[in-house]
Amino acid sequence: MPDSEFTKEEKVTIKNLLSHSAGVNVHDFQGYSTDVPVPTLIEVLNGTHPANSNPIIVDKVPNENLWISAGGYTIIQQMMMDVQGKKFPELMNELVLHPLEMNNSRFNQSLSTEQLKVAATGYLRDGSMVKGKRHIYPELASNGLWTTAEDLAKFIINIQQILKDNNHNKGLSKDITELMLTPSSKNRYGQYGLGFSIYNKKDEVYFEHHGWSTGFYSRMTAHRDKGYGVVVLTNTPLPAFVFEVFRSVALAYEWDNYFPVHKKMEIEQSLVDKITGRYLANGRIVEVIQKDNQLLYKNILDLKAEELIKVSDSSFVRRNASRLMQFKPNSENETLNLLYVNSNDGTTVSTFVKMDVDKKEPVEFLLEGDFDKALNAYIALKEHDPIHPTVTEDYLNDLGYRFFREDRMKLSQDVFKVNIMLYPDSFKVYESYAEACVKIGEIDLAIKNYTKSLELNPQNNRTEHTLKELQKSQ
């Protein structure tokens, strides 16, 4: 890893890369359709043509936070090949797949005719088939495994057996396996070991991993000590369905403390009137609303709301979340706080303060389509608090790409435009805005912004190539 301003105090370690605490960028990879050039791994690492992702670099201080990075695992993939002098599929077959008898698994992206006959076809959220049925991923460590639920179950069972039996001779050592399932980093979503999310549910420890690729979503979870678990592979990106399967399995097989079971209680209208409204914490806004005699909850950035269910005199839950929610009086005024409570130990995870009806955060103006008010609000907030979490360049870039992936392109463009106004000397903000322009066919505007991005960072080969291709199409 090359040195940078972020690695002056601490260097990146393999443990950092495995636990997503290295500060490495590139959250995920989109893959490559079967009709376009596929880059080498070096081209992916450097972000050069024909790679469709940014150069993989350290852009945050190591060990400061957990930030999921497929880019970090790509670094490990190259490192393994450099050290062993072998191709990655060959290494994984020798070290993992063959010893564990995962006979229907492979990291080869070029599938044989017979393998193609049984390979799943990916489908998008709207039900349309992925172009070419599936994408190709040179980023094998993060996205390249072809497998079955049965083979992944063999992998999980091997981990459980190693922890239980000191004499088990397949796979990793017991010490390394225990380290793999020991939390190394965390953020507000949970804890991460070396490759697995770790969940402590009232002293019952579960380890879990999920994965996305274009047209696919998969998840697996297992109890560390008691031998049960489940693997679900789907060929469409609909996590809610997978969670429903998990709940059904956990309830049917009586898993210890995996999901709490609650009894739905009636909610008095007086309580509904008291708790409905918007709540704010670190720039994140959630709202509780009543519609068609149903109490609903949603993050204001989401399109859909979830039913909010009363389960005790003071607690509420959502169907797809085990975390309890409570409404408590704010000691400083007469309003309410919305508390997220850890259902395992009763500790408060985060506190949301009820907002005044006439107060709005900058993003709310964007959601209402009032760009000018939003921009002025963002500028004022940045002047007042330059490190506020919702005005950082990275946060706004991530927000823009969230809307981009959801095809909410007006919002995506508006967020990227705000980022340009706030950070006019950053090449990234123009590149992101240009990518959004390309998606909706505004090629002239895309060329203008790619050109500006390249002026600020002439070494960005990917942007240079994209710009040339767009200019050719004019």
Protein backbone atom coordinates (compact mmCIF):
# COMPACT_ATOMS: atom_id res chain seq x y z
CA MET A 1 0.00 0.00 0.00
CA PRO A 2 1.44 3.39 -0.94
CA ASP A 3 1.82 5.88 1.91
CA SER A 4 -0.65 8.76 2.07
CA GLU A 5 -1.78 11.49 4.44
CA PHE A 6 -4.11 8.92 6.04
CA THR A 7 -1.38 6.39 6.86
CA LYS A 8 1.12 8.70 8.55
CA GLU A 9 0.31 7.44 12.03
CA GLU A 10 -0.90 3.89 11.31
CA LYS A 11 -0.11 1.57 8.40
CA VAL A 12 -2.70 -0.70 6.83
CA THR A 13 -2.49 -4.34 7.94
CA ILE A 14 -4.00 -7.53 6.53
CA LYS A 15 -6.25 -7.62 9.60
CA ASN A 16 -7.48 -4.12 8.69
CA LEU A 17 -8.30 -5.23 5.17
CA LEU A 18 -10.14 -8.36 6.33
CA SER A 19 -12.15 -6.48 8.98
CA HIS A 20 -12.99 -3.48 6.76
CA SER A 21 -11.13 -1.10 9.07
CA ALA A 22 -8.33 -0.16 6.64
CA GLY A 23 -9.93 3.08 5.41
CA VAL A 24 -9.91 1.72 1.85
CA ASN A 25 -12.41 3.11 -0.65
CA VAL A 26 -14.60 1.33 -3.27
CA HIS A 27 -17.55 -0.10 -1.41
CA ASP A 28 -18.67 -2.47 -4.17
CA PHE A 29 -18.14 -3.48 -7.79
CA GLN A 30 -20.70 -3.42 -10.58
CA GLY A 31 -19.10 -6.12 -12.74
CA TYR A 32 -18.92 -6.21 -16.53
CA SER A 33 -21.55 -7.20 -19.03
CA THR A 34 -20.61 -10.01 -21.39
CA ASP A 35 -20.31 -7.61 -24.34
CA VAL A 36 -17.73 -5.18 -22.89
CA PRO A 37 -13.97 -5.45 -22.23
CA VAL A 38 -13.05 -6.86 -18.83
CA PRO A 39 -10.06 -5.26 -17.05
CA THR A 40 -7.17 -7.06 -15.43
CA LEU A 41 -6.92 -6.95 -11.66
CA ILE A 42 -4.08 -4.40 -11.91
CA GLU A 43 -6.33 -2.16 -14.02
CA VAL A 44 -9.06 -2.49 -11.36
CA LEU A 45 -6.59 -1.61 -8.59
CA ASN A 46 -5.36 1.44 -10.52
CA GLY A 47 -8.79 2.43 -11.83
CA THR A 48 -7.56 2.50 -15.42
CA HIS A 49 -9.46 1.60 -18.59
CA PRO A 50 -11.49 -0.52 -18.98
CA ALA A 51 -12.17 -0.63 -15.20
CA ASN A 52 -15.50 0.97 -14.26
CA SER A 53 -14.50 1.66 -10.64
CA ASN A 54 -12.26 4.24 -9.00
CA PRO A 55 -8.60 3.59 -8.13
CA ILE A 56 -8.41 1.61 -4.88
CA ILE A 57 -6.71 3.80 -2.29
CA VAL A 58 -6.72 4.57 1.42
CA ASP A 59 -8.91 7.65 1.81
CA LYS A 60 -9.71 7.37 5.52
CA VAL A 61 -7.58 6.86 8.63
CA PRO A 62 -7.12 3.12 9.40
CA ASN A 63 -8.87 1.77 12.52
CA GLU A 64 -11.03 4.86 12.81
CA ASN A 65 -14.24 3.26 11.62
CA LEU A 66 -15.79 0.24 9.95
CA TRP A 67 -16.49 0.93 6.28
CA ILE A 68 -17.30 -2.06 4.07
CA SER A 69 -14.78 -2.12 1.23
CA ALA A 70 -14.72 -4.67 -1.57
CA GLY A 71 -11.61 -2.79 -2.67
CA GLY A 72 -9.74 -4.05 0.39
CA TYR A 73 -10.39 -7.67 -0.56
CA THR A 74 -9.17 -6.94 -4.09
CA ILE A 75 -5.85 -5.86 -2.59
CA ILE A 76 -5.69 -9.18 -0.71
CA GLN A 77 -6.46 -11.07 -3.94
CA GLN A 78 -3.47 -9.47 -5.70
CA MET A 79 -1.26 -9.98 -2.65
CA MET A 80 -2.03 -13.71 -2.52
CA MET A 81 -1.17 -14.13 -6.18
CA ASP A 82 2.06 -12.14 -5.77
CA VAL A 83 3.19 -14.18 -2.76
CA GLN A 84 2.30 -17.61 -4.14
CA GLY A 85 2.93 -17.00 -7.83
CA LYS A 86 -0.37 -18.69 -8.74
CA LYS A 87 -3.72 -17.60 -10.10
CA PHE A 88 -6.40 -16.84 -7.54
CA PRO A 89 -8.84 -19.61 -8.60
CA GLU A 90 -6.03 -22.16 -8.33
CA LEU A 91 -5.08 -20.92 -4.86
CA MET A 92 -8.65 -20.97 -3.57
CA ASN A 93 -9.21 -24.45 -4.95
CA GLU A 94 -6.07 -25.73 -3.19
CA LEU A 95 -6.62 -23.93 0.11
CA VAL A 96 -10.40 -24.01 0.55
CA LEU A 97 -12.65 -25.59 -2.05
CA HIS A 98 -10.94 -28.96 -2.50
CA PRO A 99 -10.11 -29.62 1.20
CA LEU A 100 -13.70 -28.82 2.23
CA GLU A 101 -15.15 -30.87 -0.65
CA MET A 102 -16.95 -27.85 -2.06
CA ASN A 103 -17.20 -29.66 -5.37
CA ASN A 104 -19.75 -27.33 -6.96
CA SER A 105 -17.82 -24.14 -6.24
CA ARG A 106 -15.27 -22.28 -8.33
CA PHE A 107 -13.76 -18.83 -8.78
CA ASN A 108 -13.34 -19.20 -12.56
CA GLN A 109 -15.38 -16.59 -14.41
CA SER A 110 -15.19 -18.50 -17.69
CA LEU A 111 -17.75 -21.23 -17.13
CA SER A 112 -17.81 -24.34 -19.29
CA THR A 113 -20.79 -25.23 -21.50
CA GLU A 114 -21.98 -27.75 -18.93
CA GLN A 115 -21.57 -25.26 -16.07
CA LEU A 116 -23.50 -22.60 -17.96
CA LYS A 117 -26.46 -24.96 -18.23
CA VAL A 118 -26.89 -24.88 -14.43
CA ALA A 119 -25.63 -21.34 -13.69
CA ALA A 120 -28.32 -19.00 -12.33
CA THR A 121 -29.55 -16.04 -14.37
CA GLY A 122 -29.62 -12.72 -12.56
CA TYR A 123 -32.70 -10.48 -12.44
CA LEU A 124 -33.01 -6.82 -11.48
CA ARG A 125 -35.49 -5.33 -9.01
CA ASP A 126 -37.95 -4.52 -11.80
CA GLY A 127 -38.00 -8.17 -12.89
CA SER A 128 -35.92 -7.67 -16.03
CA MET A 129 -33.06 -10.05 -16.79
CA VAL A 130 -29.48 -8.90 -16.37
CA LYS A 131 -27.97 -8.19 -19.78
CA GLY A 132 -26.08 -11.32 -20.82
CA LYS A 133 -27.73 -13.17 -17.86
CA ARG A 134 -24.90 -12.37 -15.45
CA HIS A 135 -21.89 -10.06 -15.08
CA ILE A 136 -18.22 -10.98 -15.09
CA TYR A 137 -16.09 -9.98 -12.10
CA PRO A 138 -12.28 -9.85 -12.20
CA GLU A 139 -12.56 -8.88 -8.51
CA LEU A 140 -12.74 -12.56 -7.58
CA ALA A 141 -12.09 -12.25 -3.84
CA SER A 142 -15.15 -10.05 -3.31
CA ASN A 143 -17.49 -11.05 -6.15
CA GLY A 144 -16.14 -14.03 -8.06
CA LEU A 145 -17.41 -17.16 -6.30
CA TRP A 146 -19.83 -19.45 -8.12
CA THR A 147 -21.28 -21.85 -5.56
CA THR A 148 -24.34 -23.58 -4.14
CA ALA A 149 -26.12 -23.29 -0.80
CA GLU A 150 -24.97 -26.81 0.06
CA ASP A 151 -21.31 -25.97 -0.55
CA LEU A 152 -21.50 -22.79 1.52
CA ALA A 153 -23.12 -24.84 4.29
CA LYS A 154 -20.05 -27.13 4.21
CA PHE A 155 -17.89 -24.04 4.72
CA ILE A 156 -19.99 -22.90 7.70
CA ILE A 157 -20.07 -26.38 9.25
CA ASN A 158 -16.29 -26.60 8.98
CA ILE A 159 -15.93 -23.41 11.01
CA GLN A 160 -18.28 -24.76 13.68
CA GLN A 161 -16.40 -28.08 13.80
CA ILE A 162 -13.00 -26.40 14.14
CA LEU A 163 -14.22 -24.42 17.15
CA LYS A 164 -15.65 -27.55 18.73
CA ASP A 165 -12.86 -30.06 18.02
CA ASN A 166 -9.18 -29.32 18.64
CA ASN A 167 -8.23 -32.29 16.44
CA HIS A 168 -10.22 -31.22 13.39
CA ASN A 169 -7.73 -31.24 10.51
CA LYS A 170 -9.56 -29.46 7.69
CA GLY A 171 -9.35 -25.73 7.11
CA LEU A 172 -7.89 -23.14 9.44
CA SER A 173 -6.35 -23.62 12.86
CA LYS A 174 -8.59 -23.17 15.88
CA ASP A 175 -6.69 -20.02 16.93
CA ILE A 176 -7.17 -18.34 13.55
CA THR A 177 -10.81 -19.42 13.38
CA GLU A 178 -11.47 -17.90 16.82
CA LEU A 179 -9.75 -14.72 15.68
CA MET A 180 -11.93 -14.67 12.56
CA LEU A 181 -15.03 -14.63 14.76
CA THR A 182 -13.69 -12.06 17.25
CA PRO A 183 -14.98 -8.49 16.66
CA SER A 184 -12.21 -6.29 15.24
CA SER A 185 -14.17 -3.23 14.10
CA LYS A 186 -17.65 -1.79 14.43
CA ASN A 187 -20.01 0.93 13.31
CA ARG A 188 -23.65 1.78 14.08
CA TYR A 189 -24.78 -1.30 12.16
CA GLY A 190 -22.77 -3.83 14.16
CA GLN A 191 -19.43 -5.57 14.68
CA TYR A 192 -17.11 -7.19 12.17
CA GLY A 193 -14.56 -9.94 12.57
CA LEU A 194 -12.28 -11.14 9.77
CA GLY A 195 -14.79 -11.53 6.97
CA PHE A 196 -17.90 -12.03 9.10
CA SER A 197 -20.39 -9.81 10.88
CA ILE A 198 -20.62 -10.87 14.52
CA TYR A 199 -23.89 -10.64 16.47
CA ASN A 200 -24.17 -11.20 20.21
CA LYS A 201 -27.83 -11.91 20.91
CA LYS A 202 -28.16 -12.20 24.69
CA ASP A 203 -24.93 -14.23 24.91
CA GLU A 204 -25.81 -16.33 21.86
CA VAL A 205 -23.13 -15.55 19.25
CA TYR A 206 -24.01 -15.72 15.55
CA PHE A 207 -21.72 -15.04 12.59
CA GLU A 208 -23.06 -13.86 9.28
CA HIS A 209 -22.11 -12.74 5.79
CA HIS A 210 -24.11 -11.33 2.91
CA GLY A 211 -23.23 -10.42 -0.63
CA TRP A 212 -24.58 -8.45 -3.57
CA SER A 213 -23.77 -8.56 -7.25
CA THR A 214 -25.76 -7.34 -10.22
CA GLY A 215 -28.92 -9.45 -10.25
CA PHE A 216 -28.09 -11.53 -7.16
CA TYR A 217 -28.36 -11.33 -3.36
CA SER A 218 -27.25 -13.96 -0.85
CA ARG A 219 -26.91 -14.30 2.91
CA MET A 220 -25.72 -16.93 5.36
CA THR A 221 -25.76 -17.05 9.14
CA ALA A 222 -24.91 -19.61 11.80
CA HIS A 223 -24.60 -20.03 15.55
CA ARG A 224 -20.96 -20.11 16.60
CA ASP A 225 -21.31 -23.02 19.05
CA LYS A 226 -24.60 -24.85 18.57
CA GLY A 227 -24.31 -26.24 15.06
CA TYR A 228 -27.25 -24.65 13.30
CA GLY A 229 -27.36 -22.14 10.47
CA VAL A 230 -28.90 -21.34 7.10
CA VAL A 231 -27.70 -20.28 3.64
CA VAL A 232 -29.99 -18.52 1.17
CA LEU A 233 -28.93 -17.68 -2.40
CA THR A 234 -31.27 -15.68 -4.65
CA ASN A 235 -31.03 -14.43 -8.22
CA THR A 236 -32.64 -11.07 -7.55
CA PRO A 237 -31.64 -8.29 -5.11
CA LEU A 238 -34.54 -8.51 -2.63
CA PRO A 239 -33.13 -8.76 0.92
CA ALA A 240 -36.58 -8.58 2.54
CA PHE A 241 -37.45 -12.01 1.12
CA VAL A 242 -34.21 -13.49 2.47
CA PHE A 243 -34.89 -12.04 5.94
CA GLU A 244 -38.35 -13.60 5.85
CA VAL A 245 -36.76 -16.99 5.14
CA PHE A 246 -34.29 -16.46 7.99
CA ARG A 247 -37.11 -15.63 10.41
CA SER A 248 -39.08 -18.69 9.33
CA VAL A 249 -36.12 -21.03 9.76
CA ALA A 250 -35.14 -19.53 13.12
CA LEU A 251 -38.69 -19.86 14.46
CA ALA A 252 -39.30 -23.35 13.04
CA TYR A 253 -36.04 -24.72 14.45
CA GLU A 254 -36.22 -22.68 17.68
CA TRP A 255 -32.89 -20.91 17.36
CA ASP A 256 -31.80 -19.34 20.63
CA ASN A 257 -32.49 -15.60 20.73
CA TYR A 258 -31.97 -15.14 16.98
CA PHE A 259 -35.18 -13.18 16.51
CA PRO A 260 -37.30 -11.90 19.37
CA VAL A 261 -40.96 -12.93 19.29
CA HIS A 262 -43.47 -10.27 20.27
CA LYS A 263 -47.22 -10.03 20.69
CA LYS A 264 -48.84 -7.13 18.87
CA MET A 265 -50.69 -4.70 21.13
CA GLU A 266 -53.35 -2.15 20.33
CA ILE A 267 -52.22 1.48 20.19
CA GLU A 268 -54.36 4.22 21.69
CA GLN A 269 -55.04 7.16 19.39
CA SER A 270 -53.84 9.56 22.07
CA LEU A 271 -50.42 7.85 21.97
CA VAL A 272 -50.37 7.92 18.17
CA ASP A 273 -51.03 11.67 18.22
CA LYS A 274 -48.20 12.14 20.71
CA ILE A 275 -45.47 10.19 18.89
CA THR A 276 -46.12 11.01 15.23
CA GLY A 277 -43.61 13.43 13.75
CA ARG A 278 -40.03 13.72 12.53
CA TYR A 279 -36.97 12.81 14.61
CA LEU A 280 -33.36 13.85 14.06
CA ALA A 281 -29.94 12.43 15.01
CA ASN A 282 -26.65 13.53 13.37
CA GLY A 283 -28.45 14.68 10.25
CA ARG A 284 -30.40 11.43 9.88
CA ILE A 285 -34.16 11.97 9.90
CA VAL A 286 -36.83 9.36 10.52
CA GLU A 287 -40.55 9.95 10.71
CA VAL A 288 -43.49 8.28 12.39
CA ILE A 289 -46.76 8.74 10.52
CA GLN A 290 -50.30 7.41 10.60
CA LYS A 291 -51.94 6.28 7.37
CA ASP A 292 -55.14 4.28 6.90
CA ASN A 293 -55.35 3.60 10.64
CA GLN A 294 -51.85 2.12 10.61
CA LEU A 295 -48.76 3.46 12.41
CA LEU A 296 -45.78 3.61 10.05
CA TYR A 297 -42.08 4.37 10.33
CA LYS A 298 -39.56 5.37 7.66
CA ASN A 299 -36.25 7.03 7.04
CA ILE A 300 -37.17 10.11 5.01
CA LEU A 301 -34.75 9.01 2.28
CA ASP A 302 -36.70 5.77 1.73
CA LEU A 303 -39.63 5.43 -0.61
CA LYS A 304 -41.55 2.92 1.49
CA ALA A 305 -42.57 2.95 5.13
CA GLU A 306 -42.77 -0.03 7.51
CA GLU A 307 -45.45 -0.79 10.06
CA LEU A 308 -44.48 0.23 13.57
CA ILE A 309 -45.84 -2.31 16.03
CA LYS A 310 -46.44 -1.77 19.74
CA VAL A 311 -45.13 -4.71 21.78
CA SER A 312 -45.20 -3.32 25.33
CA ASP A 313 -46.32 -0.21 27.19
CA SER A 314 -43.12 1.57 26.16
CA SER A 315 -41.62 -0.36 23.22
CA PHE A 316 -42.21 -0.69 19.50
CA VAL A 317 -40.59 -2.80 16.77
CA ARG A 318 -40.47 -3.04 12.98
CA ARG A 319 -40.94 -6.34 11.18
CA ASN A 320 -37.47 -6.37 9.57
CA ALA A 321 -35.49 -5.18 12.60
CA SER A 322 -34.89 -6.74 16.00
CA ARG A 323 -33.94 -3.45 17.63
CA LEU A 324 -36.52 -2.00 20.02
CA MET A 325 -37.75 1.57 19.71
CA GLN A 326 -38.99 3.63 22.64
CA PHE A 327 -40.43 7.12 22.98
CA LYS A 328 -39.27 8.96 26.10
CA PRO A 329 -39.79 12.54 27.30
CA ASN A 330 -36.94 14.91 26.52
CA SER A 331 -35.61 16.23 29.84
CA GLU A 332 -34.73 19.60 28.29
CA ASN A 333 -38.16 20.41 26.83
CA GLU A 334 -41.67 19.05 26.50
CA THR A 335 -41.06 16.98 23.36
CA LEU A 336 -40.18 13.32 22.91
CA ASN A 337 -37.00 11.46 22.09
CA LEU A 338 -37.04 8.34 19.96
CA LEU A 339 -34.58 5.80 21.37
CA TYR A 340 -33.11 2.81 19.55
CA VAL A 341 -32.56 0.18 22.23
CA ASN A 342 -30.36 -2.88 22.04
CA SER A 343 -32.77 -5.77 22.64
CA ASN A 344 -29.94 -7.89 24.08
CA ASP A 345 -28.90 -5.71 27.01
CA GLY A 346 -31.34 -2.79 27.08
CA THR A 347 -28.70 -0.13 26.36
CA THR A 348 -29.57 2.89 24.24
CA VAL A 349 -27.90 2.66 20.84
CA SER A 350 -28.92 6.07 19.52
CA THR A 351 -31.23 8.93 20.41
CA PHE A 352 -33.37 10.89 17.94
CA VAL A 353 -34.80 14.23 19.02
CA LYS A 354 -38.28 15.20 17.85
CA MET A 355 -38.08 18.07 15.38
CA ASP A 356 -40.10 21.25 15.33
CA VAL A 357 -42.80 21.17 12.68
CA ASP A 358 -41.44 24.29 10.95
CA LYS A 359 -37.78 23.21 11.01
CA LYS A 360 -36.20 21.51 8.00
CA GLU A 361 -32.83 19.96 7.28
CA PRO A 362 -31.15 20.67 3.91
CA VAL A 363 -31.92 17.25 2.44
CA GLU A 364 -35.65 17.80 3.04
CA PHE A 365 -35.61 20.71 0.59
CA LEU A 366 -34.00 18.43 -1.98
CA LEU A 367 -36.68 15.80 -1.44
CA GLU A 368 -39.30 18.52 -1.99
CA GLY A 369 -37.59 19.54 -5.25
CA ASP A 370 -36.48 22.99 -4.05
CA PHE A 371 -32.82 22.99 -5.08
CA ASP A 372 -32.10 26.66 -4.28
CA LYS A 373 -33.34 26.41 -0.69
CA ALA A 374 -31.43 23.16 -0.27
CA LEU A 375 -28.19 24.66 -1.55
CA ASN A 376 -28.49 27.71 0.70
CA ALA A 377 -29.21 25.45 3.69
CA TYR A 378 -26.19 23.24 2.94
CA ILE A 379 -23.92 26.28 2.54
CA ALA A 380 -25.14 27.73 5.86
CA LEU A 381 -24.69 24.39 7.64
CA LYS A 382 -21.16 23.94 6.26
CA GLU A 383 -20.20 27.46 7.37
CA HIS A 384 -21.59 26.81 10.84
CA ASP A 385 -20.15 23.27 11.19
CA PRO A 386 -17.66 22.27 8.46
CA ILE A 387 -17.41 18.69 9.78
CA HIS A 388 -21.13 18.07 10.23
CA PRO A 389 -21.70 14.50 8.97
CA THR A 390 -24.24 15.51 6.30
CA VAL A 391 -22.05 18.13 4.61
CA THR A 392 -18.88 16.11 4.09
CA GLU A 393 -17.93 15.42 0.50
CA ASP A 394 -17.96 11.65 1.02
CA TYR A 395 -21.40 11.63 2.64
CA LEU A 396 -22.96 13.67 -0.16
CA ASN A 397 -21.25 11.55 -2.80
CA ASP A 398 -22.59 8.36 -1.19
CA LEU A 399 -26.05 9.92 -0.93
CA GLY A 400 -25.99 10.87 -4.61
CA TYR A 401 -25.04 7.33 -5.59
CA ARG A 402 -27.77 5.92 -3.36
CA PHE A 403 -30.34 7.83 -5.41
CA PHE A 404 -28.42 6.89 -8.57
CA ARG A 405 -28.79 3.16 -7.83
CA GLU A 406 -32.48 3.65 -7.05
CA ASP A 407 -33.00 5.45 -10.41
CA ARG A 408 -34.10 8.61 -8.60
CA MET A 409 -31.99 10.59 -11.01
CA LYS A 410 -33.29 14.11 -10.36
CA LEU A 411 -32.36 13.70 -6.69
CA SER A 412 -29.03 12.10 -7.62
CA GLN A 413 -28.10 15.01 -9.88
CA ASP A 414 -29.20 17.59 -7.32
CA VAL A 415 -27.06 16.02 -4.57
CA PHE A 416 -24.04 15.90 -6.88
CA LYS A 417 -24.63 19.55 -7.85
CA VAL A 418 -24.68 20.55 -4.18
CA ASN A 419 -21.39 18.71 -3.73
CA ILE A 420 -19.88 20.65 -6.63
CA MET A 421 -20.94 23.94 -5.03
CA LEU A 422 -19.53 22.94 -1.64
CA TYR A 423 -16.30 21.35 -2.90
CA PRO A 424 -15.45 23.02 -6.24
CA ASP A 425 -11.78 21.95 -6.11
CA SER A 426 -12.48 18.21 -5.90
CA PHE A 427 -12.25 16.18 -9.10
CA LYS A 428 -14.56 13.51 -7.67
CA VAL A 429 -17.64 15.72 -7.46
CA TYR A 430 -17.55 16.59 -11.16
CA GLU A 431 -16.93 12.95 -12.10
CA SER A 432 -19.96 11.78 -10.10
CA TYR A 433 -22.22 14.45 -11.60
CA ALA A 434 -20.98 13.55 -15.08
CA GLU A 435 -21.81 9.87 -14.50
CA ALA A 436 -25.37 10.83 -13.54
CA CYS A 437 -25.66 12.97 -16.67
CA VAL A 438 -24.58 10.03 -18.83
CA LYS A 439 -27.22 7.79 -17.28
CA ILE A 440 -30.05 10.15 -18.25
CA GLY A 441 -28.60 11.01 -21.68
CA GLU A 442 -27.30 14.54 -21.01
CA ILE A 443 -24.07 13.86 -22.88
CA ASP A 444 -23.00 17.50 -23.43
CA LEU A 445 -23.27 18.19 -19.71
CA ALA A 446 -21.43 14.95 -18.95
CA ILE A 447 -18.56 15.93 -21.26
CA LYS A 448 -18.33 19.35 -19.62
CA ASN A 449 -18.06 17.87 -16.13
CA TYR A 450 -15.72 15.01 -17.07
CA THR A 451 -13.48 17.66 -18.65
CA LYS A 452 -13.48 19.70 -15.44
CA SER A 453 -12.73 16.59 -13.38
CA LEU A 454 -9.79 15.74 -15.64
CA GLU A 455 -8.43 19.29 -15.35
CA LEU A 456 -8.33 18.85 -11.58
CA ASN A 457 -6.84 15.35 -11.76
CA PRO A 458 -5.02 14.75 -15.07
CA GLN A 459 -3.80 11.33 -13.84
CA ASN A 460 -7.33 9.88 -13.78
CA ASN A 461 -7.04 7.49 -16.72
CA ARG A 462 -10.55 6.14 -16.34
CA THR A 463 -12.10 9.59 -16.66
CA GLU A 464 -9.83 10.37 -19.61
CA HIS A 465 -10.98 7.24 -21.44
CA THR A 466 -14.67 7.84 -20.64
CA LEU A 467 -14.38 11.40 -21.91
CA LYS A 468 -12.80 10.29 -25.19
CA GLU A 469 -15.52 7.68 -25.75
CA LEU A 470 -18.26 10.26 -25.14
CA GLN A 471 -16.60 12.76 -27.49
CA LYS A 472 -16.44 10.09 -30.19
CA SER A 473 -20.18 9.51 -29.86
CA GLN A 474 -20.99 13.18 -30.52
